[in-house]
Full PDB file with SEQRES, HELIX, SHEET, SSBOND, CRYST1, ORIGX, SCALE, CONECT and MASTER records, all heavy atoms in Angstrom:
SEQRES   1 A   37  TYR ARG ASN ILE ARG SER ASN GLY LEU TYR ALA ILE GLU          
SEQRES   2 A   37  LEU GLU GLU ASP ASP HIS LEU ILE GLU VAL ARG GLN VAL          
SEQRES   3 A   37  GLU PRO GLY GLN HIS VAL LEU LEU VAL SER ALA                  
CRYST1    1.000    1.000    1.000  90.00  90.00  90.00 P 1           1          
ORIGX1      1.000000  0.000000  0.000000        0.00000                         
ORIGX2      0.000000  1.000000  0.000000        0.00000                         
ORIGX3      0.000000  0.000000  1.000000        0.00000                         
SCALE1      1.000000  0.000000  0.000000        0.00000                         
SCALE2      0.000000  1.000000  0.000000        0.00000                         
SCALE3      0.000000  0.000000  1.000000        0.00000                         
ATOM      1  N   TYR A   1      -3.455  69.045  83.546  1.00  0.00           N  
ATOM      2  CA  TYR A   1      -4.356  69.611  82.547  1.00  0.00           C  
ATOM      3  C   TYR A   1      -4.441  68.760  81.287  1.00  0.00           C  
ATOM      4  O   TYR A   1      -4.858  69.225  80.243  1.00  0.00           O  
ATOM      5  CB  TYR A   1      -3.908  71.042  82.203  1.00  0.00           C  
ATOM      6  CG  TYR A   1      -3.898  71.908  83.434  1.00  0.00           C  
ATOM      7  CD1 TYR A   1      -2.706  72.144  84.115  1.00  0.00           C  
ATOM      8  CD2 TYR A   1      -5.064  72.436  83.930  1.00  0.00           C  
ATOM      9  CE1 TYR A   1      -2.700  72.903  85.262  1.00  0.00           C  
ATOM     10  CE2 TYR A   1      -5.057  73.197  85.086  1.00  0.00           C  
ATOM     11  CZ  TYR A   1      -3.876  73.427  85.751  1.00  0.00           C  
ATOM     12  OH  TYR A   1      -3.872  74.166  86.890  1.00  0.00           O  
ATOM     13  N   ARG A   2      -4.073  67.507  81.410  1.00  0.00           N  
ATOM     14  CA  ARG A   2      -4.095  66.599  80.259  1.00  0.00           C  
ATOM     15  C   ARG A   2      -5.529  66.280  79.833  1.00  0.00           C  
ATOM     16  O   ARG A   2      -5.827  66.180  78.660  1.00  0.00           O  
ATOM     17  CB  ARG A   2      -3.349  65.319  80.613  1.00  0.00           C  
ATOM     18  CG  ARG A   2      -3.126  64.419  79.414  1.00  0.00           C  
ATOM     19  CD  ARG A   2      -2.345  63.213  79.788  1.00  0.00           C  
ATOM     20  NE  ARG A   2      -0.972  63.614  80.085  1.00  0.00           N  
ATOM     21  CZ  ARG A   2       0.032  62.786  80.172  1.00  0.00           C  
ATOM     22  NH1 ARG A   2      -0.154  61.512  80.012  1.00  0.00           N  
ATOM     23  NH2 ARG A   2       1.244  63.221  80.438  1.00  0.00           N  
ATOM     24  N   ASN A   3      -6.428  66.119  80.782  1.00  0.00           N  
ATOM     25  CA  ASN A   3      -7.828  65.770  80.488  1.00  0.00           C  
ATOM     26  C   ASN A   3      -8.742  66.897  80.940  1.00  0.00           C  
ATOM     27  O   ASN A   3      -8.945  67.101  82.130  1.00  0.00           O  
ATOM     28  CB  ASN A   3      -8.217  64.469  81.200  1.00  0.00           C  
ATOM     29  CG  ASN A   3      -7.355  63.311  80.758  1.00  0.00           C  
ATOM     30  OD1 ASN A   3      -7.094  63.150  79.579  1.00  0.00           O  
ATOM     31  ND2 ASN A   3      -6.894  62.519  81.707  1.00  0.00           N  
ATOM     32  N   ILE A   4      -9.303  67.622  79.980  1.00  0.00           N  
ATOM     33  CA  ILE A   4     -10.185  68.747  80.274  1.00  0.00           C  
ATOM     34  C   ILE A   4     -11.472  68.551  79.488  1.00  0.00           C  
ATOM     35  O   ILE A   4     -11.442  68.259  78.287  1.00  0.00           O  
ATOM     36  CB  ILE A   4      -9.524  70.087  79.887  1.00  0.00           C  
ATOM     37  CG1 ILE A   4      -8.258  70.287  80.717  1.00  0.00           C  
ATOM     38  CG2 ILE A   4     -10.487  71.244  80.095  1.00  0.00           C  
ATOM     39  CD1 ILE A   4      -7.472  71.525  80.337  1.00  0.00           C  
ATOM     40  N   ARG A   5     -12.607  68.730  80.160  1.00  0.00           N  
ATOM     41  CA  ARG A   5     -13.908  68.617  79.496  1.00  0.00           C  
ATOM     42  C   ARG A   5     -14.079  69.728  78.460  1.00  0.00           C  
ATOM     43  O   ARG A   5     -13.411  70.759  78.522  1.00  0.00           O  
ATOM     44  CB  ARG A   5     -15.019  68.720  80.534  1.00  0.00           C  
ATOM     45  CG  ARG A   5     -14.966  67.635  81.584  1.00  0.00           C  
ATOM     46  CD  ARG A   5     -16.121  67.798  82.557  1.00  0.00           C  
ATOM     47  NE  ARG A   5     -16.089  69.067  83.267  1.00  0.00           N  
ATOM     48  CZ  ARG A   5     -15.495  69.262  84.436  1.00  0.00           C  
ATOM     49  NH1 ARG A   5     -14.864  68.267  85.010  1.00  0.00           N  
ATOM     50  NH2 ARG A   5     -15.527  70.441  85.022  1.00  0.00           N  
ATOM     51  N   SER A   6     -14.996  69.545  77.545  1.00  0.00           N  
ATOM     52  CA  SER A   6     -15.214  70.542  76.495  1.00  0.00           C  
ATOM     53  C   SER A   6     -15.746  71.861  77.045  1.00  0.00           C  
ATOM     54  O   SER A   6     -15.546  72.907  76.440  1.00  0.00           O  
ATOM     55  CB  SER A   6     -16.176  69.997  75.441  1.00  0.00           C  
ATOM     56  OG  SER A   6     -17.439  69.743  76.027  1.00  0.00           O  
ATOM     57  N   ASN A   7     -16.430  71.830  78.205  1.00  0.00           N  
ATOM     58  CA  ASN A   7     -16.917  73.077  78.798  1.00  0.00           C  
ATOM     59  C   ASN A   7     -15.900  73.681  79.771  1.00  0.00           C  
ATOM     60  O   ASN A   7     -16.211  74.610  80.500  1.00  0.00           O  
ATOM     61  CB  ASN A   7     -18.263  72.859  79.493  1.00  0.00           C  
ATOM     62  CG  ASN A   7     -18.182  71.872  80.643  1.00  0.00           C  
ATOM     63  OD1 ASN A   7     -17.228  71.100  80.742  1.00  0.00           O  
ATOM     64  ND2 ASN A   7     -19.187  71.875  81.491  1.00  0.00           N  
ATOM     65  N   GLY A   8     -14.680  73.177  79.766  1.00  0.00           N  
ATOM     66  CA  GLY A   8     -13.606  73.727  80.585  1.00  0.00           C  
ATOM     67  C   GLY A   8     -13.652  73.228  82.015  1.00  0.00           C  
ATOM     68  O   GLY A   8     -14.533  72.471  82.404  1.00  0.00           O  
ATOM     69  N   LEU A   9     -12.667  73.659  82.793  1.00  0.00           N  
ATOM     70  CA  LEU A   9     -12.644  73.381  84.230  1.00  0.00           C  
ATOM     71  C   LEU A   9     -11.866  74.489  84.915  1.00  0.00           C  
ATOM     72  O   LEU A   9     -11.170  75.271  84.273  1.00  0.00           O  
ATOM     73  CB  LEU A   9     -12.052  72.001  84.528  1.00  0.00           C  
ATOM     74  CG  LEU A   9     -10.654  71.648  84.062  1.00  0.00           C  
ATOM     75  CD1 LEU A   9      -9.604  72.105  85.038  1.00  0.00           C  
ATOM     76  CD2 LEU A   9     -10.577  70.137  83.940  1.00  0.00           C  
ATOM     77  N   TYR A  10     -12.016  74.561  86.222  1.00  0.00           N  
ATOM     78  CA  TYR A  10     -11.325  75.603  86.973  1.00  0.00           C  
ATOM     79  C   TYR A  10      -9.871  75.202  87.184  1.00  0.00           C  
ATOM     80  O   TYR A  10      -9.582  74.134  87.681  1.00  0.00           O  
ATOM     81  CB  TYR A  10     -12.016  75.870  88.303  1.00  0.00           C  
ATOM     82  CG  TYR A  10     -13.243  76.723  88.124  1.00  0.00           C  
ATOM     83  CD1 TYR A  10     -14.496  76.157  87.978  1.00  0.00           C  
ATOM     84  CD2 TYR A  10     -13.135  78.105  88.057  1.00  0.00           C  
ATOM     85  CE1 TYR A  10     -15.611  76.933  87.787  1.00  0.00           C  
ATOM     86  CE2 TYR A  10     -14.243  78.898  87.858  1.00  0.00           C  
ATOM     87  CZ  TYR A  10     -15.479  78.307  87.726  1.00  0.00           C  
ATOM     88  OH  TYR A  10     -16.586  79.100  87.518  1.00  0.00           O  
ATOM     89  N   ALA A  11      -8.959  76.097  86.787  1.00  0.00           N  
ATOM     90  CA  ALA A  11      -7.528  75.838  86.890  1.00  0.00           C  
ATOM     91  C   ALA A  11      -6.951  76.443  88.159  1.00  0.00           C  
ATOM     92  O   ALA A  11      -5.902  76.017  88.623  1.00  0.00           O  
ATOM     93  CB  ALA A  11      -6.808  76.417  85.676  1.00  0.00           C  
ATOM     94  N   ILE A  12      -7.611  77.474  88.703  1.00  0.00           N  
ATOM     95  CA  ILE A  12      -7.137  78.156  89.898  1.00  0.00           C  
ATOM     96  C   ILE A  12      -8.340  78.717  90.637  1.00  0.00           C  
ATOM     97  O   ILE A  12      -9.305  79.178  90.023  1.00  0.00           O  
ATOM     98  CB  ILE A  12      -6.120  79.277  89.553  1.00  0.00           C  
ATOM     99  CG1 ILE A  12      -5.564  79.936  90.827  1.00  0.00           C  
ATOM    100  CG2 ILE A  12      -6.728  80.293  88.618  1.00  0.00           C  
ATOM    101  CD1 ILE A  12      -4.417  80.908  90.568  1.00  0.00           C  
ATOM    102  N   GLU A  13      -8.309  78.646  91.942  1.00  0.00           N  
ATOM    103  CA  GLU A  13      -9.357  79.217  92.785  1.00  0.00           C  
ATOM    104  C   GLU A  13      -9.007  80.683  93.016  1.00  0.00           C  
ATOM    105  O   GLU A  13      -7.903  81.000  93.453  1.00  0.00           O  
ATOM    106  CB  GLU A  13      -9.411  78.472  94.118  1.00  0.00           C  
ATOM    107  CG  GLU A  13     -10.518  78.888  95.024  1.00  0.00           C  
ATOM    108  CD  GLU A  13     -11.857  78.315  94.614  1.00  0.00           C  
ATOM    109  OE1 GLU A  13     -11.897  77.216  94.031  1.00  0.00           O  
ATOM    110  OE2 GLU A  13     -12.861  78.981  94.889  1.00  0.00           O  
ATOM    111  N   LEU A  14      -9.936  81.588  92.710  1.00  0.00           N  
ATOM    112  CA  LEU A  14      -9.685  83.024  92.843  1.00  0.00           C  
ATOM    113  C   LEU A  14     -10.597  83.637  93.898  1.00  0.00           C  
ATOM    114  O   LEU A  14     -11.744  83.213  94.056  1.00  0.00           O  
ATOM    115  CB  LEU A  14      -9.932  83.733  91.505  1.00  0.00           C  
ATOM    116  CG  LEU A  14      -9.007  83.348  90.359  1.00  0.00           C  
ATOM    117  CD1 LEU A  14      -9.500  83.959  89.060  1.00  0.00           C  
ATOM    118  CD2 LEU A  14      -7.595  83.797  90.645  1.00  0.00           C  
ATOM    119  N   GLU A  15     -10.072  84.655  94.589  1.00  0.00           N  
ATOM    120  CA  GLU A  15     -10.911  85.415  95.495  1.00  0.00           C  
ATOM    121  C   GLU A  15     -11.886  86.240  94.665  1.00  0.00           C  
ATOM    122  O   GLU A  15     -11.688  86.442  93.462  1.00  0.00           O  
ATOM    123  CB  GLU A  15     -10.040  86.327  96.369  1.00  0.00           C  
ATOM    124  CG  GLU A  15      -9.120  85.547  97.283  1.00  0.00           C  
ATOM    125  CD  GLU A  15      -8.129  86.435  98.018  1.00  0.00           C  
ATOM    126  OE1 GLU A  15      -8.245  87.674  97.911  1.00  0.00           O  
ATOM    127  OE2 GLU A  15      -7.251  85.879  98.675  1.00  0.00           O  
ATOM    128  N   GLU A  16     -12.930  86.758  95.285  1.00  0.00           N  
ATOM    129  CA  GLU A  16     -13.990  87.454  94.554  1.00  0.00           C  
ATOM    130  C   GLU A  16     -13.493  88.664  93.771  1.00  0.00           C  
ATOM    131  O   GLU A  16     -13.951  88.932  92.670  1.00  0.00           O  
ATOM    132  CB  GLU A  16     -15.089  87.880  95.532  1.00  0.00           C  
ATOM    133  CG  GLU A  16     -16.364  88.273  94.846  1.00  0.00           C  
ATOM    134  CD  GLU A  16     -17.492  88.457  95.826  1.00  0.00           C  
ATOM    135  OE1 GLU A  16     -17.714  87.557  96.651  1.00  0.00           O  
ATOM    136  OE2 GLU A  16     -18.141  89.505  95.748  1.00  0.00           O  
ATOM    137  N   ASP A  17     -12.528  89.407  94.301  1.00  0.00           N  
ATOM    138  CA  ASP A  17     -12.048  90.620  93.640  1.00  0.00           C  
ATOM    139  C   ASP A  17     -10.749  90.397  92.860  1.00  0.00           C  
ATOM    140  O   ASP A  17     -10.081  91.349  92.481  1.00  0.00           O  
ATOM    141  CB  ASP A  17     -11.840  91.728  94.671  1.00  0.00           C  
ATOM    142  CG  ASP A  17     -10.757  91.370  95.685  1.00  0.00           C  
ATOM    143  OD1 ASP A  17     -10.495  90.167  95.880  1.00  0.00           O  
ATOM    144  OD2 ASP A  17     -10.173  92.288  96.284  1.00  0.00           O  
ATOM    145  N   ASP A  18     -10.396  89.145  92.597  1.00  0.00           N  
ATOM    146  CA  ASP A  18      -9.131  88.828  91.924  1.00  0.00           C  
ATOM    147  C   ASP A  18      -9.397  88.282  90.527  1.00  0.00           C  
ATOM    148  O   ASP A  18     -10.469  87.739  90.252  1.00  0.00           O  
ATOM    149  CB  ASP A  18      -8.350  87.797  92.748  1.00  0.00           C  
ATOM    150  CG  ASP A  18      -6.863  87.827  92.480  1.00  0.00           C  
ATOM    151  OD1 ASP A  18      -6.410  88.670  91.694  1.00  0.00           O  
ATOM    152  OD2 ASP A  18      -6.147  86.985  93.058  1.00  0.00           O  
ATOM    153  N   HIS A  19      -8.404  88.447  89.641  1.00  0.00           N  
ATOM    154  CA  HIS A  19      -8.500  87.939  88.274  1.00  0.00           C  
ATOM    155  C   HIS A  19      -7.168  87.339  87.862  1.00  0.00           C  
ATOM    156  O   HIS A  19      -6.118  87.846  88.231  1.00  0.00           O  
ATOM    157  CB  HIS A  19      -8.859  89.059  87.292  1.00  0.00           C  
ATOM    158  CG  HIS A  19     -10.200  89.652  87.529  1.00  0.00           C  
ATOM    159  ND1 HIS A  19     -11.366  89.041  87.167  1.00  0.00           N  
ATOM    160  CD2 HIS A  19     -10.556  90.815  88.133  1.00  0.00           C  
ATOM    161  CE1 HIS A  19     -12.383  89.791  87.514  1.00  0.00           C  
ATOM    162  NE2 HIS A  19     -11.918  90.864  88.104  1.00  0.00           N  
ATOM    163  N   LEU A  20      -7.215  86.289  87.071  1.00  0.00           N  
ATOM    164  CA  LEU A  20      -6.012  85.677  86.521  1.00  0.00           C  
ATOM    165  C   LEU A  20      -5.482  86.581  85.417  1.00  0.00           C  
ATOM    166  O   LEU A  20      -6.226  86.998  84.534  1.00  0.00           O  
ATOM    167  CB  LEU A  20      -6.350  84.298  85.960  1.00  0.00           C  
ATOM    168  CG  LEU A  20      -5.198  83.487  85.383  1.00  0.00           C  
ATOM    169  CD1 LEU A  20      -4.199  83.113  86.466  1.00  0.00           C  
ATOM    170  CD2 LEU A  20      -5.729  82.232  84.707  1.00  0.00           C  
ATOM    171  N   ILE A  21      -4.181  86.941  85.488  1.00  0.00           N  
ATOM    172  CA  ILE A  21      -3.620  87.825  84.465  1.00  0.00           C  
ATOM    173  C   ILE A  21      -2.668  87.101  83.519  1.00  0.00           C  
ATOM    174  O   ILE A  21      -2.527  87.497  82.376  1.00  0.00           O  
ATOM    175  CB  ILE A  21      -2.889  89.039  85.085  1.00  0.00           C  
ATOM    176  CG1 ILE A  21      -1.758  88.587  85.994  1.00  0.00           C  
ATOM    177  CG2 ILE A  21      -3.860  89.946  85.781  1.00  0.00           C  
ATOM    178  CD1 ILE A  21      -0.677  89.600  86.123  1.00  0.00           C  
ATOM    179  N   GLU A  22      -2.029  86.031  83.982  1.00  0.00           N  
ATOM    180  CA  GLU A  22      -1.037  85.375  83.127  1.00  0.00           C  
ATOM    181  C   GLU A  22      -0.803  83.945  83.575  1.00  0.00           C  
ATOM    182  O   GLU A  22      -0.874  83.629  84.763  1.00  0.00           O  
ATOM    183  CB  GLU A  22       0.282  86.137  83.173  1.00  0.00           C  
ATOM    184  CG  GLU A  22       1.315  85.666  82.178  1.00  0.00           C  
ATOM    185  CD  GLU A  22       0.891  85.819  80.739  1.00  0.00           C  
ATOM    186  OE1 GLU A  22       0.964  86.933  80.210  1.00  0.00           O  
ATOM    187  OE2 GLU A  22       0.490  84.804  80.139  1.00  0.00           O  
ATOM    188  N   VAL A  23      -0.515  83.089  82.602  1.00  0.00           N  
ATOM    189  CA  VAL A  23      -0.109  81.701  82.844  1.00  0.00           C  
ATOM    190  C   VAL A  23       1.081  81.444  81.931  1.00  0.00           C  
ATOM    191  O   VAL A  23       1.006  81.677  80.728  1.00  0.00           O  
ATOM    192  CB  VAL A  23      -1.239  80.701  82.527  1.00  0.00           C  
ATOM    193  CG1 VAL A  23      -0.769  79.282  82.776  1.00  0.00           C  
ATOM    194  CG2 VAL A  23      -2.481  81.015  83.330  1.00  0.00           C  
ATOM    195  N   ARG A  24       2.175  80.984  82.495  1.00  0.00           N  
ATOM    196  CA  ARG A  24       3.386  80.697  81.720  1.00  0.00           C  
ATOM    197  C   ARG A  24       3.897  79.323  82.086  1.00  0.00           C  
ATOM    198  O   ARG A  24       3.709  78.849  83.207  1.00  0.00           O  
ATOM    199  CB  ARG A  24       4.482  81.728  82.005  1.00  0.00           C  
ATOM    200  CG  ARG A  24       4.161  83.118  81.560  1.00  0.00           C  
ATOM    201  CD  ARG A  24       4.171  83.202  80.060  1.00  0.00           C  
ATOM    202  NE  ARG A  24       3.924  84.567  79.620  1.00  0.00           N  
ATOM    203  CZ  ARG A  24       4.474  85.100  78.559  1.00  0.00           C  
ATOM    204  NH1 ARG A  24       5.307  84.407  77.817  1.00  0.00           N  
ATOM    205  NH2 ARG A  24       4.184  86.325  78.214  1.00  0.00           N  
ATOM    206  N   GLN A  25       4.578  78.690  81.150  1.00  0.00           N  
ATOM    207  CA  GLN A  25       5.205  77.410  81.416  1.00  0.00           C  
ATOM    208  C   GLN A  25       6.590  77.651  81.981  1.00  0.00           C  
ATOM    209  O   GLN A  25       7.339  78.478  81.454  1.00  0.00           O  
ATOM    210  CB  GLN A  25       5.282  76.617  80.118  1.00  0.00           C  
ATOM    211  CG  GLN A  25       5.664  75.179  80.324  1.00  0.00           C  
ATOM    212  CD  GLN A  25       5.491  74.387  79.050  1.00  0.00           C  
ATOM    213  OE1 GLN A  25       4.446  74.415  78.432  1.00  0.00           O  
ATOM    214  NE2 GLN A  25       6.536  73.675  78.665  1.00  0.00           N  
ATOM    215  N   VAL A  26       6.913  76.973  83.085  1.00  0.00           N  
ATOM    216  CA  VAL A  26       8.236  77.109  83.695  1.00  0.00           C  
ATOM    217  C   VAL A  26       8.841  75.722  83.882  1.00  0.00           C  
ATOM    218  O   VAL A  26       8.138  74.730  83.988  1.00  0.00           O  
ATOM    219  CB  VAL A  26       8.196  77.849  85.063  1.00  0.00           C  
ATOM    220  CG1 VAL A  26       7.731  79.269  84.900  1.00  0.00           C  
ATOM    221  CG2 VAL A  26       7.342  77.112  86.065  1.00  0.00           C  
ATOM    222  N   GLU A  27      10.157  75.718  83.914  1.00  0.00           N  
ATOM    223  CA  GLU A  27      10.907  74.498  84.180  1.00  0.00           C  
ATOM    224  C   GLU A  27      11.566  74.634  85.542  1.00  0.00           C  
ATOM    225  O   GLU A  27      11.770  75.751  86.024  1.00  0.00           O  
ATOM    226  CB  GLU A  27      11.950  74.296  83.087  1.00  0.00           C  
ATOM    227  CG  GLU A  27      11.340  74.085  81.718  1.00  0.00           C  
ATOM    228  CD  GLU A  27      12.372  74.110  80.605  1.00  0.00           C  
ATOM    229  OE1 GLU A  27      13.580  74.240  80.906  1.00  0.00           O  
ATOM    230  OE2 GLU A  27      11.964  74.014  79.450  1.00  0.00           O  
ATOM    231  N   PRO A  28      11.910  73.527  86.182  1.00  0.00           N  
ATOM    232  CA  PRO A  28      12.572  73.617  87.486  1.00  0.00           C  
ATOM    233  C   PRO A  28      13.812  74.502  87.420  1.00  0.00           C  
ATOM    234  O   PRO A  28      14.601  74.441  86.474  1.00  0.00           O  
ATOM    235  CB  PRO A  28      12.939  72.166  87.799  1.00  0.00           C  
ATOM    236  CG  PRO A  28      11.920  71.361  87.048  1.00  0.00           C  
ATOM    237  CD  PRO A  28      11.655  72.133  85.791  1.00  0.00           C  
ATOM    238  N   GLY A  29      13.962  75.395  88.403  1.00  0.00           N  
ATOM    239  CA  GLY A  29      15.111  76.290  88.480  1.00  0.00           C  
ATOM    240  C   GLY A  29      14.945  77.608  87.756  1.00  0.00           C  
ATOM    241  O   GLY A  29      15.794  78.491  87.864  1.00  0.00           O  
ATOM    242  N   GLN A  30      13.865  77.780  87.033  1.00  0.00           N  
ATOM    243  CA  GLN A  30      13.643  79.020  86.299  1.00  0.00           C  
ATOM    244  C   GLN A  30      13.082  80.093  87.246  1.00  0.00           C  
ATOM    245  O   GLN A  30      12.356  79.794  88.175  1.00  0.00           O  
ATOM    246  CB  GLN A  30      12.660  78.765  85.155  1.00  0.00           C  
ATOM    247  CG  GLN A  30      12.686  79.800  84.086  1.00  0.00           C  
ATOM    248  CD  GLN A  30      11.926  79.335  82.846  1.00  0.00           C  
ATOM    249  OE1 GLN A  30      11.195  78.360  82.870  1.00  0.00           O  
ATOM    250  NE2 GLN A  30      12.113  80.046  81.759  1.00  0.00           N  
ATOM    251  N   HIS A  31      13.448  81.341  87.006  1.00  0.00           N  
ATOM    252  CA  HIS A  31      12.966  82.443  87.831  1.00  0.00           C  
ATOM    253  C   HIS A  31      11.711  83.056  87.229  1.00  0.00           C  
ATOM    254  O   HIS A  31      11.448  82.915  86.036  1.00  0.00           O  
ATOM    255  CB  HIS A  31      14.046  83.514  87.980  1.00  0.00           C  
ATOM    256  CG  HIS A  31      15.137  83.105  88.909  1.00  0.00           C  
ATOM    257  ND1 HIS A  31      15.783  83.982  89.731  1.00  0.00           N  
ATOM    258  CD2 HIS A  31      15.700  81.895  89.173  1.00  0.00           C  
ATOM    259  CE1 HIS A  31      16.683  83.355  90.442  1.00  0.00           C  
ATOM    260  NE2 HIS A  31      16.657  82.081  90.108  1.00  0.00           N  
ATOM    261  N   VAL A  32      10.930  83.753  88.078  1.00  0.00           N  
ATOM    262  CA  VAL A  32       9.698  84.416  87.656  1.00  0.00           C  
ATOM    263  C   VAL A  32       9.788  85.877  88.058  1.00  0.00           C  
ATOM    264  O   VAL A  32      10.244  86.212  89.152  1.00  0.00           O  
ATOM    265  CB  VAL A  32       8.467  83.754  88.314  1.00  0.00           C  
ATOM    266  CG1 VAL A  32       7.199  84.517  87.995  1.00  0.00           C  
ATOM    267  CG2 VAL A  32       8.344  82.304  87.870  1.00  0.00           C  
ATOM    268  N   LEU A  33       9.351  86.767  87.175  1.00  0.00           N  
ATOM    269  CA  LEU A  33       9.338  88.204  87.409  1.00  0.00           C  
ATOM    270  C   LEU A  33       7.892  88.671  87.453  1.00  0.00           C  
ATOM    271  O   LEU A  33       7.121  88.405  86.527  1.00  0.00           O  
ATOM    272  CB  LEU A  33      10.087  88.921  86.286  1.00  0.00           C  
ATOM    273  CG  LEU A  33      10.154  90.437  86.339  1.00  0.00           C  
ATOM    274  CD1 LEU A  33      11.040  90.885  87.486  1.00  0.00           C  
ATOM    275  CD2 LEU A  33      10.665  90.988  85.017  1.00  0.00           C  
ATOM    276  N   LEU A  34       7.496  89.345  88.551  1.00  0.00           N  
ATOM    277  CA  LEU A  34       6.171  89.953  88.686  1.00  0.00           C  
ATOM    278  C   LEU A  34       6.350  91.462  88.686  1.00  0.00           C  
ATOM    279  O   LEU A  34       7.253  91.984  89.337  1.00  0.00           O  
ATOM    280  CB  LEU A  34       5.500  89.541  89.995  1.00  0.00           C  
ATOM    281  CG  LEU A  34       5.059  88.095  90.135  1.00  0.00           C  
ATOM    282  CD1 LEU A  34       4.540  87.837  91.549  1.00  0.00           C  
ATOM    283  CD2 LEU A  34       3.995  87.748  89.126  1.00  0.00           C  
ATOM    284  N   VAL A  35       5.453  92.184  87.973  1.00  0.00           N  
ATOM    285  CA  VAL A  35       5.529  93.642  87.881  1.00  0.00           C  
ATOM    286  C   VAL A  35       4.157  94.217  88.195  1.00  0.00           C  
ATOM    287  O   VAL A  35       3.143  93.714  87.702  1.00  0.00           O  
ATOM    288  CB  VAL A  35       5.986  94.088  86.476  1.00  0.00           C  
ATOM    289  CG1 VAL A  35       6.073  95.592  86.388  1.00  0.00           C  
ATOM    290  CG2 VAL A  35       7.317  93.454  86.118  1.00  0.00           C  
ATOM    291  N   SER A  36       4.137  95.298  88.998  1.00  0.00           N  
ATOM    292  CA  SER A  36       2.863  95.915  89.383  1.00  0.00           C  
ATOM    293  C   SER A  36       2.609  97.191  88.588  1.00  0.00           C  
ATOM    294  O   SER A  36       3.513  97.739  87.949  1.00  0.00           O  
ATOM    295  CB  SER A  36       2.853  96.220  90.886  1.00  0.00           C  
ATOM    296  OG  SER A  36       3.580  97.390  91.151  1.00  0.00           O  
ATOM    297  N   ALA A  37       1.372  97.686  88.646  1.00  0.00           N  
ATOM    298  CA  ALA A  37       0.983  98.909  87.936  1.00  0.00           C  
ATOM    299  C   ALA A  37       1.734 100.128  88.460  1.00  0.00           C  
ATOM    300  O   ALA A  37       1.996 101.069  87.710  1.00  0.00           O  
ATOM    301  CB  ALA A  37      -0.522  99.127  88.062  1.00  0.00           C  
TER     302      ALA A  37                                                      
MASTER        0    0    0    0    0    0    0    6  301    1    0    3          
END                                                                             
């Protein structure tokens, strides 16, 4: 993501009924927690 045009670019391909909810920076070995409604 170092070079991005001013009009943006697609960072992730999503299915039609899906939405991006969060983006976090992680380092190798770090754990991730997902929580549902």
